[in-house]
């Protein structure tokens, strides 16, 4: 496993991140096996959100932490807030209340990273800055990031916050490539040239913001995995061929493809199977060359101009 530095934190974060959205219904034994397999594979970063399982995903994870002394110290734990039923809320009151709830459910006294979940158009940046300052001063949150934000939204927020926003969590996979399409098709007339993300990949590189990919093995908006899908025969053939070359699974190659992008520092995987965790963690051992990276990109149906 490879690790990255998040600002100046003592605990470094693994490049492959275990997403905990689907753990709410797991038994204590099943979750223990999943977390154990993750740590054994070198994955020490766990991604939560206060809405996952209606809060039960964090509750289950917190029960595991409470029952095993010293387990928390081995982890880099991040969570997200800001999504409420029917609307988004970045008010200081909601952020502070959300973090208290997250910490209580997780049975921990701090988060390594707090991420604002989806852009709140009604965001008062001074309020957000106030909440961040209180959370940092109290030791409840060490660092802050955003999710699904474009460059101008981040600039607007960063203008008022003293703490460097160090992460932007964005959807990216070999079958969901909007950020890459607009970079490849500059000044072209195709639909792929539309600047829907505002060059967010290049912006994050310029600002030292680590992109974390979510839905790393999915296509569309939660439409399913492209691995083995009849909708992506060329992509699966290419992933399988390279998997044989590097001695890893097709899924690991798909994750390695994401991590080959210079702006993308971490990839979130959402499996609940311990054997699958070890398989996908092997992605961190693979460095695709340029030709292989572009072969995967075009095999998914993308065209180079």
C-alpha atoms as a PDB file:
ATOM      1  CA  UNK A   1       0.000   0.000   0.000  1.00  0.00           C
ATOM      2  CA  UNK A   2       1.065   3.562  -0.669  1.00  0.00           C
ATOM      3  CA  UNK A   3       0.169   6.493   1.573  1.00  0.00           C
ATOM      4  CA  UNK A   4      -0.256  10.237   1.192  1.00  0.00           C
ATOM      5  CA  UNK A   5       0.150  13.145   3.590  1.00  0.00           C
ATOM      6  CA  UNK A   6      -2.991  15.081   4.467  1.00  0.00           C
ATOM      7  CA  UNK A   7      -1.657  18.519   5.363  1.00  0.00           C
ATOM      8  CA  UNK A   8       0.700  17.893   8.293  1.00  0.00           C
ATOM      9  CA  UNK A   9      -1.128  15.090  10.069  1.00  0.00           C
ATOM     10  CA  UNK A  10       0.969  12.462  11.776  1.00  0.00           C
ATOM     11  CA  UNK A  11      -1.241   9.683  10.436  1.00  0.00           C
ATOM     12  CA  UNK A  12      -0.771   9.203   6.698  1.00  0.00           C
ATOM     13  CA  UNK A  13      -3.742   8.084   4.620  1.00  0.00           C
ATOM     14  CA  UNK A  14      -3.795   5.030   2.374  1.00  0.00           C
ATOM     15  CA  UNK A  15      -4.270   5.509  -1.363  1.00  0.00           C
ATOM     16  CA  UNK A  16      -7.081   2.960  -1.366  1.00  0.00           C
ATOM     17  CA  UNK A  17      -9.931   3.967   0.949  1.00  0.00           C
ATOM     18  CA  UNK A  18     -12.664   1.721   2.299  1.00  0.00           C
ATOM     19  CA  UNK A  19     -16.081   3.324   1.821  1.00  0.00           C
ATOM     20  CA  UNK A  20     -18.483   2.471   4.636  1.00  0.00           C
ATOM     21  CA  UNK A  21     -21.796   3.362   3.000  1.00  0.00           C
ATOM     22  CA  UNK A  22     -23.060  -0.245   2.966  1.00  0.00           C
ATOM     23  CA  UNK A  23     -22.019  -1.549   6.385  1.00  0.00           C
ATOM     24  CA  UNK A  24     -25.188  -0.627   8.314  1.00  0.00           C
ATOM     25  CA  UNK A  25     -26.698  -4.111   8.061  1.00  0.00           C
ATOM     26  CA  UNK A  26     -23.510  -6.080   8.674  1.00  0.00           C
ATOM     27  CA  UNK A  27     -23.160  -8.158  11.822  1.00  0.00           C
ATOM     28  CA  UNK A  28     -20.433  -7.359  14.334  1.00  0.00           C
ATOM     29  CA  UNK A  29     -18.452 -10.375  13.172  1.00  0.00           C
ATOM     30  CA  UNK A  30     -18.777  -9.473   9.506  1.00  0.00           C
ATOM     31  CA  UNK A  31     -17.666  -5.905  10.102  1.00  0.00           C
ATOM     32  CA  UNK A  32     -14.755  -7.034  12.247  1.00  0.00           C
ATOM     33  CA  UNK A  33     -13.588  -9.304   9.418  1.00  0.00           C
ATOM     34  CA  UNK A  34     -13.954  -6.506   6.845  1.00  0.00           C
ATOM     35  CA  UNK A  35     -12.020  -3.951   8.877  1.00  0.00           C
ATOM     36  CA  UNK A  36      -9.388  -6.530   9.799  1.00  0.00           C
ATOM     37  CA  UNK A  37      -8.882  -7.449   6.151  1.00  0.00           C
ATOM     38  CA  UNK A  38      -8.599  -3.766   5.250  1.00  0.00           C
ATOM     39  CA  UNK A  39      -5.917  -3.058   7.840  1.00  0.00           C
ATOM     40  CA  UNK A  40      -4.043  -6.217   6.880  1.00  0.00           C
ATOM     41  CA  UNK A  41      -4.044  -5.039   3.257  1.00  0.00           C
ATOM     42  CA  UNK A  42      -2.658  -1.665   4.346  1.00  0.00           C
ATOM     43  CA  UNK A  43      -5.926   0.252   4.047  1.00  0.00           C
ATOM     44  CA  UNK A  44      -6.097   2.527   7.080  1.00  0.00           C
ATOM     45  CA  UNK A  45      -8.503   5.148   5.685  1.00  0.00           C
ATOM     46  CA  UNK A  46     -12.238   4.726   6.245  1.00  0.00           C
ATOM     47  CA  UNK A  47     -14.822   6.947   4.567  1.00  0.00           C
ATOM     48  CA  UNK A  48     -18.125   7.700   6.314  1.00  0.00           C
ATOM     49  CA  UNK A  49     -21.029  10.142   6.023  1.00  0.00           C
ATOM     50  CA  UNK A  50     -23.690  10.995   8.543  1.00  0.00           C
ATOM     51  CA  UNK A  51     -26.409   9.942   6.061  1.00  0.00           C
ATOM     52  CA  UNK A  52     -25.022   6.458   5.344  1.00  0.00           C
ATOM     53  CA  UNK A  53     -27.568   3.985   6.615  1.00  0.00           C
ATOM     54  CA  UNK A  54     -29.354   6.857   8.328  1.00  0.00           C
ATOM     55  CA  UNK A  55     -26.393   7.067  10.715  1.00  0.00           C
ATOM     56  CA  UNK A  56     -26.288   3.328  11.376  1.00  0.00           C
ATOM     57  CA  UNK A  57     -23.120   2.806   9.320  1.00  0.00           C
ATOM     58  CA  UNK A  58     -21.228   5.071  11.728  1.00  0.00           C
ATOM     59  CA  UNK A  59     -22.948   3.457  14.698  1.00  0.00           C
ATOM     60  CA  UNK A  60     -21.858  -0.037  13.664  1.00  0.00           C
ATOM     61  CA  UNK A  61     -18.314   1.158  13.031  1.00  0.00           C
ATOM     62  CA  UNK A  62     -18.263   2.962  16.376  1.00  0.00           C
ATOM     63  CA  UNK A  63     -19.350  -0.183  18.197  1.00  0.00           C
ATOM     64  CA  UNK A  64     -16.379  -1.958  16.669  1.00  0.00           C
ATOM     65  CA  UNK A  65     -14.006   0.812  17.781  1.00  0.00           C
ATOM     66  CA  UNK A  66     -15.461   0.846  21.294  1.00  0.00           C
ATOM     67  CA  UNK A  67     -14.930  -2.891  21.643  1.00  0.00           C
ATOM     68  CA  UNK A  68     -11.274  -2.994  20.576  1.00  0.00           C
ATOM     69  CA  UNK A  69      -8.766  -0.915  22.485  1.00  0.00           C
ATOM     70  CA  UNK A  70      -6.151   0.725  20.286  1.00  0.00           C
ATOM     71  CA  UNK A  71      -8.013   0.146  17.026  1.00  0.00           C
ATOM     72  CA  UNK A  72      -8.823   3.825  16.462  1.00  0.00           C
ATOM     73  CA  UNK A  73      -5.143   4.775  16.598  1.00  0.00           C
ATOM     74  CA  UNK A  74      -4.474   2.614  13.532  1.00  0.00           C
ATOM     75  CA  UNK A  75      -6.969   4.521  11.400  1.00  0.00           C
ATOM     76  CA  UNK A  76      -7.461   7.666   9.386  1.00  0.00           C
ATOM     77  CA  UNK A  77     -11.203   8.327   9.702  1.00  0.00           C
ATOM     78  CA  UNK A  78     -13.133  10.812   7.605  1.00  0.00           C
ATOM     79  CA  UNK A  79     -16.815  11.612   7.462  1.00  0.00           C
ATOM     80  CA  UNK A  80     -19.129  13.923   5.566  1.00  0.00           C
ATOM     81  CA  UNK A  81     -22.048  16.164   6.450  1.00  0.00           C
ATOM     82  CA  UNK A  82     -24.345  18.675   4.793  1.00  0.00           C
ATOM     83  CA  UNK A  83     -27.038  16.526   3.183  1.00  0.00           C
ATOM     84  CA  UNK A  84     -30.412  16.683   4.880  1.00  0.00           C
ATOM     85  CA  UNK A  85     -33.773  15.301   3.819  1.00  0.00           C
ATOM     86  CA  UNK A  86     -34.736  17.318   0.759  1.00  0.00           C
ATOM     87  CA  UNK A  87     -32.024  19.988   1.002  1.00  0.00           C
ATOM     88  CA  UNK A  88     -28.376  20.782   1.691  1.00  0.00           C
ATOM     89  CA  UNK A  89     -27.239  22.639   4.805  1.00  0.00           C
ATOM     90  CA  UNK A  90     -23.821  24.221   5.415  1.00  0.00           C
ATOM     91  CA  UNK A  91     -24.991  26.421   8.273  1.00  0.00           C
ATOM     92  CA  UNK A  92     -22.601  26.601  11.200  1.00  0.00           C
ATOM     93  CA  UNK A  93     -25.286  25.225  13.489  1.00  0.00           C
ATOM     94  CA  UNK A  94     -25.826  22.167  11.338  1.00  0.00           C
ATOM     95  CA  UNK A  95     -22.128  21.466  10.739  1.00  0.00           C
ATOM     96  CA  UNK A  96     -21.333  21.649  14.466  1.00  0.00           C
ATOM     97  CA  UNK A  97     -24.336  19.519  15.411  1.00  0.00           C
ATOM     98  CA  UNK A  98     -23.507  17.005  12.692  1.00  0.00           C
ATOM     99  CA  UNK A  99     -19.927  16.566  13.866  1.00  0.00           C
ATOM    100  CA  UNK A 100     -21.028  16.004  17.448  1.00  0.00           C
ATOM    101  CA  UNK A 101     -23.386  13.291  16.210  1.00  0.00           C
ATOM    102  CA  UNK A 102     -20.711  11.716  14.030  1.00  0.00           C
ATOM    103  CA  UNK A 103     -18.194  11.588  16.881  1.00  0.00           C
ATOM    104  CA  UNK A 104     -20.766  10.118  19.241  1.00  0.00           C
ATOM    105  CA  UNK A 105     -21.761   7.397  16.783  1.00  0.00           C
ATOM    106  CA  UNK A 106     -18.147   6.576  15.925  1.00  0.00           C
ATOM    107  CA  UNK A 107     -17.036   6.501  19.579  1.00  0.00           C
ATOM    108  CA  UNK A 108     -14.076   8.751  18.820  1.00  0.00           C
ATOM    109  CA  UNK A 109     -13.036  12.183  20.030  1.00  0.00           C
ATOM    110  CA  UNK A 110     -11.907  13.449  16.630  1.00  0.00           C
ATOM    111  CA  UNK A 111     -12.111  13.067  12.867  1.00  0.00           C
ATOM    112  CA  UNK A 112      -8.962  13.154  10.792  1.00  0.00           C
ATOM    113  CA  UNK A 113     -10.960  14.814   8.037  1.00  0.00           C
ATOM    114  CA  UNK A 114     -14.410  16.393   7.714  1.00  0.00           C
ATOM    115  CA  UNK A 115     -15.824  16.711   4.188  1.00  0.00           C
ATOM    116  CA  UNK A 116     -18.744  18.912   3.158  1.00  0.00           C
ATOM    117  CA  UNK A 117     -20.893  16.507   1.179  1.00  0.00           C
ATOM    118  CA  UNK A 118     -22.574  18.360  -1.724  1.00  0.00           C
ATOM    119  CA  UNK A 119     -22.575  22.074  -2.586  1.00  0.00           C
ATOM    120  CA  UNK A 120     -25.067  24.180  -0.654  1.00  0.00           C
ATOM    121  CA  UNK A 121     -26.042  27.050  -2.959  1.00  0.00           C
ATOM    122  CA  UNK A 122     -27.170  29.031   0.103  1.00  0.00           C
ATOM    123  CA  UNK A 123     -23.797  28.614   1.800  1.00  0.00           C
ATOM    124  CA  UNK A 124     -22.630  31.517   3.943  1.00  0.00           C
ATOM    125  CA  UNK A 125     -18.858  31.163   3.747  1.00  0.00           C
ATOM    126  CA  UNK A 126     -18.310  33.107   6.970  1.00  0.00           C
ATOM    127  CA  UNK A 127     -20.571  30.652   8.792  1.00  0.00           C
ATOM    128  CA  UNK A 128     -18.670  27.686   7.415  1.00  0.00           C
ATOM    129  CA  UNK A 129     -15.370  29.298   8.412  1.00  0.00           C
ATOM    130  CA  UNK A 130     -16.732  29.894  11.905  1.00  0.00           C
ATOM    131  CA  UNK A 131     -17.734  26.254  12.240  1.00  0.00           C
ATOM    132  CA  UNK A 132     -14.361  25.034  10.958  1.00  0.00           C
ATOM    133  CA  UNK A 133     -12.468  27.271  13.399  1.00  0.00           C
ATOM    134  CA  UNK A 134     -14.502  25.994  16.344  1.00  0.00           C
ATOM    135  CA  UNK A 135     -14.049  22.365  15.300  1.00  0.00           C
ATOM    136  CA  UNK A 136     -10.303  22.752  14.862  1.00  0.00           C
ATOM    137  CA  UNK A 137      -9.851  24.688  18.105  1.00  0.00           C
ATOM    138  CA  UNK A 138     -11.742  22.010  20.039  1.00  0.00           C
ATOM    139  CA  UNK A 139      -9.687  19.222  18.456  1.00  0.00           C
ATOM    140  CA  UNK A 140     -12.799  17.572  17.040  1.00  0.00           C
ATOM    141  CA  UNK A 141     -11.607  17.836  13.415  1.00  0.00           C
ATOM    142  CA  UNK A 142      -7.999  17.940  12.232  1.00  0.00           C
ATOM    143  CA  UNK A 143      -8.531  18.845   8.568  1.00  0.00           C
ATOM    144  CA  UNK A 144     -11.284  19.807   6.143  1.00  0.00           C
ATOM    145  CA  UNK A 145     -12.300  19.029   2.588  1.00  0.00           C
ATOM    146  CA  UNK A 146     -15.213  19.171   0.175  1.00  0.00           C
ATOM    147  CA  UNK A 147     -17.052  16.821  -2.128  1.00  0.00           C
ATOM    148  CA  UNK A 148     -18.547  17.333  -5.580  1.00  0.00           C
ATOM    149  CA  UNK A 149     -17.428  20.972  -5.788  1.00  0.00           C
ATOM    150  CA  UNK A 150     -16.124  22.884  -8.795  1.00  0.00           C
ATOM    151  CA  UNK A 151     -13.131  25.269  -8.643  1.00  0.00           C
ATOM    152  CA  UNK A 152     -15.103  28.473  -8.083  1.00  0.00           C
ATOM    153  CA  UNK A 153     -17.113  26.957  -5.240  1.00  0.00           C
ATOM    154  CA  UNK A 154     -13.884  25.899  -3.556  1.00  0.00           C
ATOM    155  CA  UNK A 155     -12.274  29.300  -4.155  1.00  0.00           C
ATOM    156  CA  UNK A 156     -15.278  31.024  -2.626  1.00  0.00           C
ATOM    157  CA  UNK A 157     -15.085  28.872   0.484  1.00  0.00           C
ATOM    158  CA  UNK A 158     -11.291  28.946   0.750  1.00  0.00           C
ATOM    159  CA  UNK A 159     -11.339  32.763   0.687  1.00  0.00           C
ATOM    160  CA  UNK A 160     -12.936  32.769   4.132  1.00  0.00           C
ATOM    161  CA  UNK A 161     -11.362  29.717   5.743  1.00  0.00           C
ATOM    162  CA  UNK A 162      -7.909  29.813   7.303  1.00  0.00           C
ATOM    163  CA  UNK A 163      -7.448  26.066   7.014  1.00  0.00           C
ATOM    164  CA  UNK A 164      -6.353  24.710   3.633  1.00  0.00           C
ATOM    165  CA  UNK A 165      -9.134  22.654   2.040  1.00  0.00           C
ATOM    166  CA  UNK A 166      -7.122  19.547   1.275  1.00  0.00           C
ATOM    167  CA  UNK A 167      -9.536  17.084  -0.382  1.00  0.00           C
ATOM    168  CA  UNK A 168     -12.227  17.127  -3.061  1.00  0.00           C
ATOM    169  CA  UNK A 169     -14.195  13.882  -3.389  1.00  0.00           C
ATOM    170  CA  UNK A 170     -15.494  13.443  -6.953  1.00  0.00           C
ATOM    171  CA  UNK A 171     -17.070  10.696  -9.027  1.00  0.00           C
ATOM    172  CA  UNK A 172     -14.535   9.063 -11.327  1.00  0.00           C
ATOM    173  CA  UNK A 173     -14.086   5.641 -12.864  1.00  0.00           C
ATOM    174  CA  UNK A 174     -12.956   4.093 -16.127  1.00  0.00           C
ATOM    175  CA  UNK A 175     -16.621   4.275 -17.187  1.00  0.00           C
ATOM    176  CA  UNK A 176     -17.341   7.747 -15.760  1.00  0.00           C
ATOM    177  CA  UNK A 177     -14.757  10.136 -17.150  1.00  0.00           C
ATOM    178  CA  UNK A 178     -16.315  13.608 -17.405  1.00  0.00           C
ATOM    179  CA  UNK A 179     -13.317  15.300 -15.789  1.00  0.00           C
ATOM    180  CA  UNK A 180     -10.960  13.616 -18.231  1.00  0.00           C
ATOM    181  CA  UNK A 181     -13.158  14.050 -21.306  1.00  0.00           C
ATOM    182  CA  UNK A 182     -13.090  17.833 -21.067  1.00  0.00           C
ATOM    183  CA  UNK A 183      -9.306  17.794 -20.644  1.00  0.00           C
ATOM    184  CA  UNK A 184      -8.824  15.618 -23.720  1.00  0.00           C
ATOM    185  CA  UNK A 185     -11.273  17.550 -25.921  1.00  0.00           C
ATOM    186  CA  UNK A 186     -10.148  21.149 -25.408  1.00  0.00           C
ATOM    187  CA  UNK A 187     -11.513  23.451 -28.111  1.00  0.00           C
ATOM    188  CA  UNK A 188     -13.409  20.641 -29.833  1.00  0.00           C
ATOM    189  CA  UNK A 189     -17.048  20.787 -30.925  1.00  0.00           C
ATOM    190  CA  UNK A 190     -18.088  17.444 -29.432  1.00  0.00           C
ATOM    191  CA  UNK A 191     -20.253  17.156 -26.322  1.00  0.00           C
ATOM    192  CA  UNK A 192     -17.218  15.843 -24.459  1.00  0.00           C
ATOM    193  CA  UNK A 193     -15.650  19.308 -24.722  1.00  0.00           C
ATOM    194  CA  UNK A 194     -18.309  20.882 -22.496  1.00  0.00           C
ATOM    195  CA  UNK A 195     -16.631  22.313 -19.401  1.00  0.00           C
ATOM    196  CA  UNK A 196     -19.039  20.846 -16.884  1.00  0.00           C
ATOM    197  CA  UNK A 197     -16.446  20.552 -14.111  1.00  0.00           C
ATOM    198  CA  UNK A 198     -14.548  23.798 -14.681  1.00  0.00           C
ATOM    199  CA  UNK A 199     -11.228  21.959 -15.191  1.00  0.00           C
ATOM    200  CA  UNK A 200     -11.441  20.706 -11.641  1.00  0.00           C
ATOM    201  CA  UNK A 201      -8.631  18.165 -12.082  1.00  0.00           C
ATOM    202  CA  UNK A 202      -6.102  20.793 -13.105  1.00  0.00           C
ATOM    203  CA  UNK A 203      -7.395  23.189 -10.469  1.00  0.00           C
ATOM    204  CA  UNK A 204      -6.893  20.642  -7.687  1.00  0.00           C
ATOM    205  CA  UNK A 205      -3.331  20.016  -8.835  1.00  0.00           C
ATOM    206  CA  UNK A 206      -2.636  23.755  -8.805  1.00  0.00           C
ATOM    207  CA  UNK A 207      -4.072  24.184  -5.304  1.00  0.00           C
ATOM    208  CA  UNK A 208      -2.604  21.045  -3.770  1.00  0.00           C
ATOM    209  CA  UNK A 209      -6.021  19.478  -3.235  1.00  0.00           C
ATOM    210  CA  UNK A 210      -6.135  15.684  -3.288  1.00  0.00           C
ATOM    211  CA  UNK A 211      -8.967  14.246  -5.367  1.00  0.00           C
ATOM    212  CA  UNK A 212     -10.631  11.163  -3.922  1.00  0.00           C
ATOM    213  CA  UNK A 213     -12.643   9.162  -6.437  1.00  0.00           C
ATOM    214  CA  UNK A 214     -16.026   7.757  -5.458  1.00  0.00           C
ATOM    215  CA  UNK A 215     -18.041   5.109  -7.341  1.00  0.00           C
ATOM    216  CA  UNK A 216     -14.617   3.967  -8.513  1.00  0.00           C
ATOM    217  CA  UNK A 217     -15.970   0.813 -10.186  1.00  0.00           C
ATOM    218  CA  UNK A 218     -19.386   2.136 -11.198  1.00  0.00           C
ATOM    219  CA  UNK A 219     -20.882   3.563 -14.367  1.00  0.00           C
ATOM    220  CA  UNK A 220     -23.570   6.237 -14.484  1.00  0.00           C
ATOM    221  CA  UNK A 221     -25.046   7.525 -11.245  1.00  0.00           C
ATOM    222  CA  UNK A 222     -25.182   4.340  -9.126  1.00  0.00           C
ATOM    223  CA  UNK A 223     -26.283   2.290 -12.144  1.00  0.00           C
ATOM    224  CA  UNK A 224     -23.992  -0.597 -11.310  1.00  0.00           C
ATOM    225  CA  UNK A 225     -20.469  -1.922 -11.708  1.00  0.00           C
ATOM    226  CA  UNK A 226     -18.905  -2.003 -15.154  1.00  0.00           C
ATOM    227  CA  UNK A 227     -16.841  -5.062 -14.210  1.00  0.00           C
ATOM    228  CA  UNK A 228     -18.262  -7.992 -16.158  1.00  0.00           C
ATOM    229  CA  UNK A 229     -21.023  -5.803 -17.595  1.00  0.00           C
ATOM    230  CA  UNK A 230     -22.152  -6.533 -21.161  1.00  0.00           C
ATOM    231  CA  UNK A 231     -22.317  -2.761 -21.673  1.00  0.00           C
ATOM    232  CA  UNK A 232     -18.513  -2.529 -21.547  1.00  0.00           C
ATOM    233  CA  UNK A 233     -17.049  -5.544 -23.386  1.00  0.00           C
ATOM    234  CA  UNK A 234     -13.992  -3.709 -24.688  1.00  0.00           C
ATOM    235  CA  UNK A 235     -13.187  -2.213 -21.313  1.00  0.00           C
ATOM    236  CA  UNK A 236     -13.482  -5.545 -19.535  1.00  0.00           C
ATOM    237  CA  UNK A 237     -11.309  -7.242 -22.132  1.00  0.00           C
ATOM    238  CA  UNK A 238      -8.615  -4.619 -21.673  1.00  0.00           C
ATOM    239  CA  UNK A 239      -8.793  -4.750 -17.856  1.00  0.00           C
ATOM    240  CA  UNK A 240      -8.565  -8.541 -17.938  1.00  0.00           C
ATOM    241  CA  UNK A 241      -5.573  -8.512 -20.272  1.00  0.00           C
ATOM    242  CA  UNK A 242      -3.673  -6.042 -18.119  1.00  0.00           C
ATOM    243  CA  UNK A 243      -4.687  -7.901 -14.980  1.00  0.00           C
ATOM    244  CA  UNK A 244      -2.980 -10.999 -16.346  1.00  0.00           C
ATOM    245  CA  UNK A 245       0.119  -8.970 -17.204  1.00  0.00           C
ATOM    246  CA  UNK A 246       0.447  -7.466 -13.719  1.00  0.00           C
ATOM    247  CA  UNK A 247      -0.822 -10.473 -11.769  1.00  0.00           C
ATOM    248  CA  UNK A 248      -3.814  -8.697 -10.265  1.00  0.00           C
ATOM    249  CA  UNK A 249      -7.573  -8.656 -10.849  1.00  0.00           C
ATOM    250  CA  UNK A 250      -9.396  -6.597 -13.452  1.00  0.00           C
ATOM    251  CA  UNK A 251     -10.857  -4.554 -10.592  1.00  0.00           C
ATOM    252  CA  UNK A 252      -7.387  -3.727  -9.285  1.00  0.00           C
ATOM    253  CA  UNK A 253      -6.379  -2.521 -12.741  1.00  0.00           C
ATOM    254  CA  UNK A 254      -9.466  -0.282 -12.827  1.00  0.00           C
ATOM    255  CA  UNK A 255      -8.423   1.264  -9.514  1.00  0.00           C
ATOM    256  CA  UNK A 256      -4.803   1.572 -10.667  1.00  0.00           C
ATOM    257  CA  UNK A 257      -6.101   3.455 -13.733  1.00  0.00           C
ATOM    258  CA  UNK A 258      -7.727   6.033 -11.452  1.00  0.00           C
ATOM    259  CA  UNK A 259      -4.634   6.406  -9.286  1.00  0.00           C
ATOM    260  CA  UNK A 260      -2.470   6.949 -12.367  1.00  0.00           C
ATOM    261  CA  UNK A 261      -4.138  10.368 -12.824  1.00  0.00           C
ATOM    262  CA  UNK A 262      -1.767  12.907 -11.218  1.00  0.00           C
ATOM    263  CA  UNK A 263      -4.575  14.828  -9.490  1.00  0.00           C
ATOM    264  CA  UNK A 264      -6.177  11.720  -7.992  1.00  0.00           C
ATOM    265  CA  UNK A 265      -4.465  10.702  -4.775  1.00  0.00           C
ATOM    266  CA  UNK A 266      -7.022   8.235  -3.376  1.00  0.00           C
ATOM    267  CA  UNK A 267      -9.718   5.895  -4.640  1.00  0.00           C
ATOM    268  CA  UNK A 268     -12.694   4.867  -2.505  1.00  0.00           C
ATOM    269  CA  UNK A 269     -13.878   1.270  -2.815  1.00  0.00           C
ATOM    270  CA  UNK A 270     -17.251   0.197  -1.442  1.00  0.00           C
ATOM    271  CA  UNK A 271     -16.961  -3.556  -1.078  1.00  0.00           C
ATOM    272  CA  UNK A 272     -18.125  -5.395   2.051  1.00  0.00           C
ATOM    273  CA  UNK A 273     -16.248  -8.609   1.210  1.00  0.00           C
ATOM    274  CA  UNK A 274     -12.890  -9.137   2.962  1.00  0.00           C
ATOM    275  CA  UNK A 275     -11.466 -11.133   0.038  1.00  0.00           C
ATOM    276  CA  UNK A 276     -12.405  -8.327  -2.334  1.00  0.00           C
ATOM    277  CA  UNK A 277     -10.629  -5.758  -0.158  1.00  0.00           C
ATOM    278  CA  UNK A 278      -7.290  -7.519  -0.486  1.00  0.00           C
ATOM    279  CA  UNK A 279      -7.828  -7.952  -4.220  1.00  0.00           C
ATOM    280  CA  UNK A 280      -8.530  -4.259  -4.851  1.00  0.00           C
ATOM    281  CA  UNK A 281      -5.811  -3.039  -2.475  1.00  0.00           C
ATOM    282  CA  UNK A 282      -3.296  -4.573  -4.881  1.00  0.00           C
ATOM    283  CA  UNK A 283      -4.023  -1.633  -7.195  1.00  0.00           C
ATOM    284  CA  UNK A 284      -1.494   0.400  -5.221  1.00  0.00           C
ATOM    285  CA  UNK A 285       1.278  -1.937  -6.467  1.00  0.00           C
ATOM    286  CA  UNK A 286       0.532  -1.291 -10.156  1.00  0.00           C
ATOM    287  CA  UNK A 287       1.732   1.666 -12.210  1.00  0.00           C
ATOM    288  CA  UNK A 288       0.248   1.632 -15.696  1.00  0.00           C
ATOM    289  CA  UNK A 289       2.313   3.112 -18.516  1.00  0.00           C
ATOM    290  CA  UNK A 290       0.886   5.835 -20.736  1.00  0.00           C
ATOM    291  CA  UNK A 291      -0.127   3.520 -23.569  1.00  0.00           C
ATOM    292  CA  UNK A 292      -1.967   1.198 -21.170  1.00  0.00           C
ATOM    293  CA  UNK A 293      -3.764   4.087 -19.484  1.00  0.00           C
ATOM    294  CA  UNK A 294      -5.021   5.458 -22.796  1.00  0.00           C
ATOM    295  CA  UNK A 295      -5.968   1.970 -23.993  1.00  0.00           C
ATOM    296  CA  UNK A 296      -8.279   1.618 -21.004  1.00  0.00           C
ATOM    297  CA  UNK A 297      -9.721   5.082 -21.622  1.00  0.00           C
ATOM    298  CA  UNK A 298     -10.546   4.377 -25.267  1.00  0.00           C
ATOM    299  CA  UNK A 299     -11.744   0.815 -24.623  1.00  0.00           C
ATOM    300  CA  UNK A 300     -14.579   2.288 -22.552  1.00  0.00           C
ATOM    301  CA  UNK A 301     -15.896   3.967 -25.709  1.00  0.00           C
ATOM    302  CA  UNK A 302     -14.035   7.262 -25.503  1.00  0.00           C
ATOM    303  CA  UNK A 303     -12.342   8.679 -28.578  1.00  0.00           C
ATOM    304  CA  UNK A 304      -9.196  10.737 -28.799  1.00  0.00           C
ATOM    305  CA  UNK A 305      -9.530  13.790 -31.099  1.00  0.00           C
END
